[in-house]
Protein backbone atom coordinates (compact mmCIF):
# COMPACT_ATOMS: atom_id res chain seq x y z
CA MET A 1 -44.72 -39.92 -21.47
CA ASN A 2 -48.23 -39.59 -20.83
CA ARG A 3 -49.70 -36.38 -20.50
CA ARG A 4 -50.54 -36.59 -16.70
CA PHE A 5 -46.95 -36.94 -16.35
CA LEU A 6 -45.84 -34.22 -18.11
CA LEU A 7 -48.34 -31.90 -16.92
CA LYS A 8 -47.14 -32.89 -13.50
CA SER A 9 -43.62 -32.37 -14.88
CA LEU A 10 -44.44 -28.74 -16.15
CA GLY A 11 -46.20 -28.04 -12.78
CA ALA A 12 -43.29 -28.91 -10.65
CA ALA A 13 -41.02 -27.16 -13.28
CA ALA A 14 -43.40 -23.94 -12.73
CA GLY A 15 -43.62 -24.36 -8.80
CA PHE A 16 -39.50 -24.58 -8.82
CA THR A 17 -39.23 -21.39 -11.17
CA ALA A 18 -41.44 -19.34 -8.72
CA LEU A 19 -39.75 -20.39 -5.93
CA GLY A 20 -36.48 -19.39 -7.32
CA ALA A 21 -37.90 -16.01 -8.59
CA GLY A 22 -39.41 -15.66 -5.01
CA GLY A 23 -36.13 -16.34 -3.35
CA ALA A 24 -34.28 -14.00 -5.40
CA ALA A 25 -36.68 -11.51 -5.12
CA LEU A 26 -36.29 -11.73 -1.31
CA PHE A 27 -32.75 -11.92 -1.49
CA LEU A 28 -32.39 -8.51 -3.81
CA HIS A 29 -34.56 -6.71 -1.23
CA GLN A 30 -32.29 -6.98 1.80
CA GLU A 31 -31.17 -3.86 3.40
CA LYS A 32 -27.39 -3.96 2.56
CA PHE A 33 -28.40 -3.92 -1.48
CA GLY A 34 -29.17 -0.09 -0.49
CA ALA A 35 -31.99 1.84 -2.83
CA LEU A 36 -32.56 3.36 -6.29
CA PRO A 37 -33.03 7.14 -6.58
CA ASP A 38 -36.27 8.44 -6.31
CA GLU A 39 -38.63 10.63 -8.63
CA GLU A 40 -37.46 13.63 -7.19
CA ASP A 41 -33.41 12.32 -7.56
CA ILE A 42 -34.40 11.37 -11.37
CA ARG A 43 -35.90 15.16 -12.07
CA ARG A 44 -32.79 16.48 -10.48
CA PHE A 45 -30.06 14.38 -12.56
CA ALA A 46 -31.79 15.45 -15.60
CA ALA A 47 -29.39 18.79 -15.57
CA SER A 48 -26.16 16.60 -15.99
CA PRO A 49 -24.76 16.05 -19.38
CA HIS A 50 -23.91 12.45 -18.01
CA PHE A 51 -27.35 11.44 -17.63
CA ARG A 52 -29.46 10.06 -20.71
CA ASP A 53 -32.45 7.50 -20.98
CA ASP A 54 -32.72 6.90 -17.35
CA ARG A 55 -29.04 6.30 -16.68
CA PHE A 56 -25.59 7.84 -16.44
CA ILE A 57 -23.20 7.24 -19.11
CA ASN A 58 -19.35 7.27 -20.21
CA LEU A 59 -17.74 10.07 -22.00
CA VAL A 60 -16.42 7.58 -24.45
CA PRO A 61 -18.66 4.23 -25.47
CA THR A 62 -17.73 1.77 -22.98
CA PRO A 63 -18.98 -1.84 -23.58
CA MET A 64 -18.84 -4.37 -20.18
CA SER A 65 -17.91 -7.41 -22.12
CA THR A 66 -15.29 -7.05 -24.73
CA GLY A 67 -15.05 -10.88 -25.72
CA GLU A 68 -17.02 -12.97 -27.80
CA GLY A 69 -20.19 -14.15 -26.54
CA GLY A 70 -21.14 -11.37 -24.18
CA THR A 71 -21.99 -11.49 -20.54
CA ILE A 72 -22.79 -15.26 -20.70
CA ARG A 73 -19.65 -16.53 -22.01
CA LEU A 74 -17.88 -13.96 -19.76
CA TRP A 75 -19.60 -15.75 -16.51
CA ALA A 76 -18.85 -19.36 -18.16
CA ASP A 77 -15.01 -18.24 -18.73
CA PHE A 78 -14.82 -17.23 -15.06
CA LEU A 79 -16.14 -19.80 -13.42
CA LEU A 80 -14.76 -22.73 -15.63
CA SER A 81 -10.81 -21.46 -16.18
CA LYS A 82 -7.98 -22.30 -14.47
CA LYS A 83 -6.45 -19.51 -12.20
CA THR A 84 -3.40 -19.77 -10.54
CA ASP A 85 -1.64 -17.62 -7.45
CA THR A 86 -4.81 -15.30 -7.51
CA VAL A 87 -4.43 -15.59 -3.58
CA PRO A 88 -1.51 -15.56 -1.61
CA ALA A 89 -0.16 -18.53 0.02
CA SER A 90 0.52 -16.72 3.15
CA PRO A 91 -0.50 -13.63 5.31
CA LEU A 92 0.59 -10.50 3.64
CA PRO A 93 2.85 -7.77 5.60
CA VAL A 94 0.98 -5.28 7.39
CA SER A 95 1.48 -2.59 9.66
CA GLN A 96 -1.11 -2.44 12.11
CA ILE A 97 -0.90 1.45 12.87
CA ASN A 98 -4.12 2.95 14.89
CA PRO A 99 -5.42 5.60 12.65
CA ALA A 100 -6.48 7.63 15.48
CA SER A 101 -3.22 7.38 16.85
CA LEU A 102 -1.40 9.25 13.65
CA PRO A 103 -0.16 12.93 14.57
CA ALA A 104 -3.04 15.54 13.97
CA ASP A 105 -0.94 18.35 12.43
CA ARG A 106 1.15 15.82 9.90
CA ASP A 107 -0.36 14.73 6.08
CA THR A 108 -0.76 11.25 6.21
CA LEU A 109 -1.78 8.57 4.08
CA GLN A 110 -2.82 4.81 5.09
CA TRP A 111 -3.77 2.16 2.76
CA TYR A 112 -5.97 -0.67 3.78
CA GLY A 113 -5.60 -2.82 0.72
CA HIS A 114 -8.02 -2.56 -2.43
CA SER A 115 -9.25 0.93 -2.83
CA SER A 116 -9.55 1.71 1.46
CA PHE A 117 -7.49 4.48 2.16
CA PHE A 118 -7.31 7.21 4.99
CA LEU A 119 -5.78 10.70 4.44
CA ARG A 120 -5.02 13.13 7.24
CA LEU A 121 -4.73 16.59 5.25
CA HIS A 122 -4.43 19.89 6.31
CA GLY A 123 -6.00 19.05 9.67
CA LEU A 124 -9.02 17.37 7.88
CA ASN A 125 -9.62 13.53 8.41
CA ILE A 126 -11.06 11.83 5.05
CA LEU A 127 -11.80 8.49 4.66
CA ALA A 128 -12.12 6.75 1.04
CA ASP A 129 -14.11 3.63 -0.43
CA PRO A 130 -13.69 1.52 3.19
CA VAL A 131 -14.40 -2.07 2.95
CA PHE A 132 -13.31 -3.28 6.60
CA SER A 133 -15.51 -6.50 6.09
CA LEU A 134 -13.83 -10.05 5.38
CA HIS A 135 -15.64 -10.04 2.37
CA ALA A 136 -16.37 -7.88 -0.81
CA SER A 137 -19.57 -9.42 -2.13
CA PRO A 138 -23.39 -9.72 -0.93
CA VAL A 139 -22.69 -13.09 0.11
CA SER A 140 -19.85 -14.40 2.84
CA PHE A 141 -18.49 -16.95 0.68
CA THR A 142 -17.23 -15.29 -2.27
CA THR A 143 -14.34 -12.34 -2.84
CA GLY A 144 -12.82 -12.98 0.66
CA ALA A 145 -10.29 -10.63 2.19
CA PHE A 146 -6.54 -12.31 1.84
CA PRO A 147 -5.23 -13.47 4.81
CA GLY A 148 -4.02 -11.19 7.54
CA THR A 149 -4.99 -7.76 5.43
CA ALA A 150 -8.29 -6.80 7.57
CA VAL A 151 -6.00 -4.41 9.85
CA VAL A 152 -8.50 -1.69 10.61
CA GLN A 153 -12.12 -1.94 11.76
CA ALA A 154 -14.58 1.22 12.24
CA SER A 155 -14.09 1.24 15.89
CA ASP A 156 -10.35 2.06 15.38
CA MET A 157 -11.53 5.28 13.24
CA PRO A 158 -11.02 8.83 14.51
CA ALA A 159 -13.78 11.19 13.65
CA ILE A 160 -14.21 11.43 9.83
CA ASP A 161 -14.54 14.84 8.29
CA TRP A 162 -15.13 13.78 4.85
CA LEU A 163 -16.18 10.31 3.54
CA PHE A 164 -15.54 10.02 -0.16
CA LEU A 165 -17.38 7.00 -2.24
CA SER A 166 -16.30 6.40 -5.57
CA HIS A 167 -19.56 4.26 -6.88
CA ASP A 168 -21.62 1.94 -5.11
CA HIS A 169 -19.97 -1.68 -6.39
CA TRP A 170 -19.48 -3.79 -3.28
CA ASP A 171 -15.68 -3.74 -3.07
CA HIS A 172 -16.16 0.06 -2.48
CA LEU A 173 -19.28 0.45 -0.75
CA ASP A 174 -19.89 -1.89 2.14
CA PHE A 175 -22.87 -1.81 3.99
CA PRO A 176 -21.47 -2.86 7.24
CA THR A 177 -18.54 -0.81 7.37
CA ILE A 178 -20.89 2.20 6.49
CA SER A 179 -23.43 1.16 9.15
CA ALA A 180 -21.00 1.21 11.84
CA LEU A 181 -18.81 4.13 10.44
CA ARG A 182 -22.00 6.25 10.45
CA PRO A 183 -21.90 7.95 13.96
CA LYS A 184 -18.46 9.16 13.07
CA ILE A 185 -19.21 10.50 9.75
CA ARG A 186 -19.81 14.10 9.41
CA ASN A 187 -19.93 14.65 5.53
CA VAL A 188 -20.23 12.20 2.71
CA ALA A 189 -19.37 13.21 -0.75
CA CYS A 190 -20.54 10.95 -3.79
CA GLY A 191 -21.39 10.69 -7.38
CA LEU A 192 -25.10 11.58 -8.21
CA GLY A 193 -27.36 9.08 -7.01
CA THR A 194 -25.30 7.09 -4.31
CA GLY A 195 -26.99 9.35 -1.93
CA ALA A 196 -30.26 6.92 -2.34
CA HIS A 197 -28.37 4.52 -0.77
CA LEU A 198 -27.02 6.33 2.07
CA ARG A 199 -30.53 7.55 3.03
CA PHE A 200 -31.97 4.30 2.47
CA TRP A 201 -29.37 3.74 5.22
CA GLY A 202 -30.27 6.23 7.64
CA PHE A 203 -27.79 8.89 7.10
CA ASP A 204 -29.52 12.34 7.36
CA ARG A 205 -29.64 13.86 3.99
CA THR A 206 -28.25 17.18 5.11
CA ARG A 207 -24.74 15.18 5.26
CA ILE A 208 -25.02 13.88 1.85
CA HIS A 209 -23.23 15.86 -1.00
CA GLU A 210 -23.74 14.35 -4.12
CA LEU A 211 -21.66 15.40 -7.22
CA ASP A 212 -21.57 15.56 -10.90
CA TRP A 213 -18.31 15.25 -12.88
CA HIS A 214 -16.32 18.44 -12.18
CA GLN A 215 -18.36 19.67 -9.53
CA SER A 216 -16.32 20.84 -6.49
CA LEU A 217 -16.97 21.69 -2.66
CA ASP A 218 -15.66 23.61 -0.01
CA ALA A 219 -14.25 20.66 2.17
CA GLY A 220 -12.83 23.12 4.71
CA ASN A 221 -9.39 24.31 6.12
CA GLY A 222 -8.56 25.35 2.65
CA VAL A 223 -9.34 22.12 1.24
CA SER A 224 -11.33 21.59 -1.68
CA LEU A 225 -13.06 18.28 -3.23
CA THR A 226 -13.50 18.00 -6.73
CA PHE A 227 -15.42 14.99 -8.27
CA LEU A 228 -13.73 13.83 -11.57
CA PRO A 229 -14.95 11.51 -14.74
CA GLY A 230 -14.10 7.79 -14.38
CA ARG A 231 -14.70 5.15 -17.19
CA HIS A 232 -16.56 2.58 -15.42
CA PHE A 233 -20.40 1.73 -14.34
CA SER A 234 -22.71 1.21 -11.17
CA GLY A 235 -25.10 -0.84 -9.70
CA ARG A 236 -25.42 -3.30 -6.58
CA GLY A 237 -28.08 -5.61 -7.82
CA LEU A 238 -29.52 -5.94 -11.33
CA THR A 239 -29.97 -2.37 -12.20
CA ARG A 240 -27.05 -0.69 -13.53
CA ASP A 241 -25.59 3.00 -14.40
CA LYS A 242 -28.29 4.51 -11.67
CA SER A 243 -25.75 6.34 -10.17
CA LEU A 244 -22.68 8.30 -11.17
CA TRP A 245 -18.96 6.67 -10.53
CA GLY A 246 -15.62 8.84 -10.46
CA GLY A 247 -12.50 9.92 -8.71
CA MET A 248 -11.74 12.83 -6.39
CA LEU A 249 -9.30 15.59 -6.47
CA LEU A 250 -7.87 17.11 -3.31
CA ARG A 251 -6.37 20.32 -2.97
CA SER A 252 -4.89 21.90 0.20
CA PRO A 253 -2.63 24.65 0.29
CA ASP A 254 0.27 22.41 0.30
CA PHE A 255 -0.56 19.58 -1.22
CA SER A 256 -2.59 17.89 -4.18
CA PHE A 257 -4.03 14.26 -4.04
CA LEU A 258 -6.00 12.34 -6.70
CA PHE A 259 -7.91 9.17 -6.44
CA SER A 260 -9.00 7.62 -9.54
CA GLY A 261 -11.75 5.37 -8.51
CA ASP A 262 -12.60 2.02 -10.88
CA SER A 263 -11.79 3.45 -14.15
CA GLY A 264 -10.63 1.99 -17.38
CA TYR A 265 -8.07 4.17 -19.58
CA GLY A 266 -9.19 7.05 -21.78
CA PRO A 267 -8.98 10.45 -22.65
CA HIS A 268 -10.16 11.54 -19.84
CA PHE A 269 -7.08 11.21 -17.79
CA ARG A 270 -5.12 13.64 -20.13
CA GLU A 271 -7.90 16.26 -20.12
CA THR A 272 -7.88 15.65 -16.20
CA GLY A 273 -4.19 16.53 -16.08
CA ARG A 274 -4.74 19.32 -18.34
CA GLN A 275 -7.42 20.89 -16.14
CA TYR A 276 -6.03 20.28 -12.83
CA GLY A 277 -2.96 18.71 -12.97
CA PRO A 278 0.25 18.47 -12.02
CA VAL A 279 -0.75 16.22 -8.57
CA ASP A 280 1.67 15.67 -5.93
CA LEU A 281 0.42 12.03 -5.66
CA ALA A 282 -2.17 9.66 -7.69
CA LEU A 283 -3.78 6.59 -6.55
CA LEU A 284 -5.10 5.02 -9.67
CA ASP A 285 -6.76 1.64 -10.52
CA CYS A 286 -4.35 -0.95 -11.28
CA GLY A 287 -5.72 -3.97 -10.64
CA GLN A 288 -8.79 -6.67 -11.37
CA TYR A 289 -8.12 -5.98 -15.19
CA ASP A 290 -8.75 -8.81 -17.82
CA LYS A 291 -9.03 -8.44 -21.71
CA ASN A 292 -12.71 -9.49 -21.36
CA TRP A 293 -13.67 -6.07 -19.53
CA HIS A 294 -10.50 -4.21 -20.65
CA TYR A 295 -12.52 -0.91 -21.08
CA VAL A 296 -13.81 -0.57 -17.25
CA HIS A 297 -10.28 -1.21 -15.52
CA MET A 298 -6.60 -0.32 -16.21
CA PHE A 299 -3.77 -2.57 -17.48
CA PRO A 300 -0.66 -1.53 -15.10
CA GLU A 301 1.00 -0.20 -18.15
CA GLU A 302 -2.06 1.92 -18.78
CA ALA A 303 -2.15 3.25 -15.15
CA CYS A 304 1.31 4.33 -15.48
CA GLN A 305 0.44 6.05 -18.82
CA ALA A 306 -2.51 7.73 -16.95
CA ALA A 307 0.04 8.78 -14.26
CA GLU A 308 2.05 10.68 -16.44
CA GLU A 309 -0.62 12.27 -18.53
CA LEU A 310 -2.01 13.61 -14.99
CA GLY A 311 1.35 15.39 -14.26
CA ALA A 312 1.55 12.83 -10.66
CA ARG A 313 4.78 13.55 -9.05
CA HIS A 314 4.18 10.22 -6.95
CA PHE A 315 2.25 7.12 -8.48
CA MET A 316 0.48 4.50 -5.97
CA PRO A 317 -1.21 1.62 -7.32
CA VAL A 318 -4.50 0.44 -5.88
CA HIS A 319 -7.48 -1.70 -6.26
CA ALA A 320 -5.06 -4.60 -5.80
CA GLY A 321 -3.49 -6.10 -2.78
CA LYS A 322 -6.66 -7.45 -0.38
CA PHE A 323 -9.51 -8.93 -2.74
CA SER A 324 -9.19 -11.26 -6.11
CA ILE A 325 -11.83 -10.21 -8.88
CA ALA A 326 -9.92 -11.14 -11.81
CA TYR A 327 -7.72 -14.05 -13.36
CA HIS A 328 -4.40 -12.33 -13.04
CA THR A 329 -1.87 -13.09 -9.75
CA TRP A 330 -2.37 -11.43 -6.63
CA TYR A 331 1.13 -9.83 -7.61
CA ASP A 332 1.11 -9.08 -10.89
CA PRO A 333 -0.20 -5.41 -10.62
CA PHE A 334 2.68 -4.72 -8.43
CA ARG A 335 5.31 -6.14 -10.65
CA ARG A 336 3.97 -4.95 -13.96
CA ALA A 337 3.35 -1.30 -12.38
CA LEU A 338 7.54 -1.65 -11.16
CA LYS A 339 8.57 -2.52 -14.49
CA ALA A 340 6.36 -0.35 -16.64
CA SER A 341 7.50 2.80 -14.09
CA GLU A 342 11.41 2.57 -15.28
CA GLY A 343 11.92 5.80 -16.80
CA ARG A 344 9.19 7.34 -15.87
CA ALA A 345 8.95 11.26 -14.53
CA TYR A 346 7.06 9.78 -11.54
CA GLN A 347 8.18 8.02 -8.18
CA LEU A 348 6.41 4.75 -7.68
CA LEU A 349 4.97 4.41 -4.47
CA THR A 350 4.26 0.65 -3.13
CA PRO A 351 3.52 0.72 1.15
CA ILE A 352 2.31 -2.19 2.79
CA ILE A 353 -1.06 -2.14 3.88
CA GLY A 354 -1.69 -0.36 7.05
CA GLN A 355 1.81 1.91 6.57
CA ALA A 356 1.73 5.44 7.53
CA VAL A 357 2.90 7.49 4.36
CA PRO A 358 3.92 10.84 5.17
CA LEU A 359 2.50 13.23 2.62
CA SER A 360 5.14 15.80 1.08
CA LYS A 361 6.65 17.15 -2.42
CA HIS A 362 9.24 14.55 -1.78
CA ILE A 363 8.39 11.18 -1.02
CA ALA A 364 10.82 8.17 -0.24
CA PRO A 365 10.25 4.98 -2.67
CA PHE A 366 9.40 1.50 -0.81
CA PRO A 367 10.77 -1.77 -1.44
CA ALA A 368 9.33 -4.71 -3.62
CA TRP A 369 7.78 -6.25 -0.47
CA TRP A 370 5.70 -8.94 -2.39
CA GLU A 371 8.83 -10.42 -4.03
CA SER A 372 9.90 -12.14 -0.89
CA LEU A 373 6.29 -14.25 -0.89
CA VAL A 374 6.55 -15.37 -4.60
CA LYS A 375 10.10 -16.62 -4.58
CA ASP A 376 10.97 -20.49 -4.91
CA GLY A 377 7.40 -21.53 -5.42
CA ALA A 378 6.06 -19.93 -2.32
CA GLU A 379 2.66 -19.65 -4.53
CA ASN A 380 2.26 -23.53 -4.85
CA GLY A 381 0.22 -25.85 -3.11
CA PRO A 382 -3.38 -27.70 -2.56
CA GLU A 383 -4.77 -24.99 -0.01
CA ARG A 384 -3.98 -22.16 -2.53
CA GLN A 385 -6.12 -23.71 -5.13
CA LYS A 386 -9.03 -24.48 -2.28
CA ARG A 387 -9.26 -20.82 -1.46
CA GLN A 388 -8.81 -19.44 -4.99
CA SER A 389 -11.93 -21.71 -5.96
CA ARG A 390 -14.25 -20.05 -3.66
CA ASN A 391 -12.82 -16.65 -3.50
CA ARG A 392 -14.02 -14.78 -6.28
CA LEU A 393 -17.34 -13.57 -8.30
CA PRO A 394 -17.10 -11.98 -12.02
CA GLN A 395 -15.66 -8.53 -11.71
CA GLN A 396 -17.80 -5.22 -10.55
């Protein structure tokens, strides 16, 4: 190899690297990535005991990767390992009840798959982590919704008294959905720092209520909302932990409701139960788990344990049933939660997507609807393998 050829090759490589870096910069500057907190925000965050060295922290040490080789090995394993039945071979059963048609005087829950749900509680309309798009990713060719699970759109929703956002990951904070819903949203409750995205997307700052863990607000109609600790992380681009993640506790005169948001198992569940329990219904992170990121999502058995520690009368597994962002089968969270709930003090709830669940102190159980879809090899076939190969990115 002569010197002139070497210099040309090095120059070409440098050029391609620059083009790639420039393209990545342009990609990351798209509106859907949102915005980071500004200097005024950061000065405000300094008062939080959960903000240190310019970032938010968990209550206990929480490494993202628990496997050998760190993040690079995690990506390699994820992209190269064989996966089975992570996407349903046929559409899941759904109930397409228009949320605007639900009785205004009846407390009701509608789950839309993954962690999206709508609540009518004591006259308030509350929507949490809505992702109505057909993918939960910055690109349209990954993390696609399971066939048939897109049962609701922004146009179907009534006026929203409170939008709750647990954190800013793509499978919880969806730019197209939030943009379409914006005219219907009266107030937003979220963790510290998440408001920067919303302001960037045109929300009036007076409608945004950013909370630290254990901070509460009066939601109206005698309902209180408290932001609860979680064990997770945040970030939509290359930066992490610039906004705070967490769950939500709602208390009305007649009913108490808890949503964990994304969270690994930890001592915060027992402490939350001691401080705020018991609760009538707990929706807990119970999907997209793996030993390689064990600290940031719960295995079903851990979610069942957390439900007991919270003093939940009813437990509903969520963060499953719509997107595949892990290695496990799509039905594994439901099967394992059902088995691990045997003999527990709470009632397990497993409604289908879109089903209206009346909220009371005594909620009837639901059948194991997933079993009819996995009998007799129903989850085998080349089309399933094709869908699985293009349907995921490593876990957020």
